Amino acid sequence: MHLQAQVLALLQKPNGVSNWLLERYAQPHHVRSDKALYAYVGELKSEHLRKAGGLHSVAYDNKIHVVRNALGLHTRRSVVQGGRLNAKHEIRIASMFKFVPEAFLRMIVVHELAHLREVEHDKAFYALCCHMEPNYHQFELEVRIYLSHLEAGGARLWHNA
């Protein structure tokens, strides 16, 4: 309850969330293109999930509405290739995350990569997320605070960087 009160106070204070986040994260990441995002995700995957299925595609998606839907999406399609059934994995990240701190992008990517091994959002899923990114829960909280700021009519931060 104490944390909720702190976040509410930040949201109610003029520029409270903006100032707090900009103090923590002055600059956005530089992963702007789908090609760069694919490479970024691939590096994290090869570091933590070498034996997991391959990624067919990774891209930013401007059709994902982050406040109402999701931050990113992981899809798994089964494809028949020469009598064998193969899984094709795709990761889509909401386009608004082109202009956020690297910690926010990393949290979303780690979350979607964890779905390569764990389908459900259960204890094993979050343990894997924390294995790939020890600060996963802190970054997720900060992303949610930022999204609450946007939903309350606050300005996007880092968008003109």
Foldseek 3Di string as FASTA:
>chain_A
DVVVVVLVVQLPDVCSLVVVQCVVFVFADQQQFQVSVVVVLVVLCVVQPVPFDDEPGEGEDQVDDPVPHHQKDWDWDWDDDPNDTDIHIYIYGHNLSSFHHPLLVLLRSLLNSLCSPPVDPDPVSVVSSCVSPVCNVVSVVSVVSLSVSVVVPHDDPRPVD
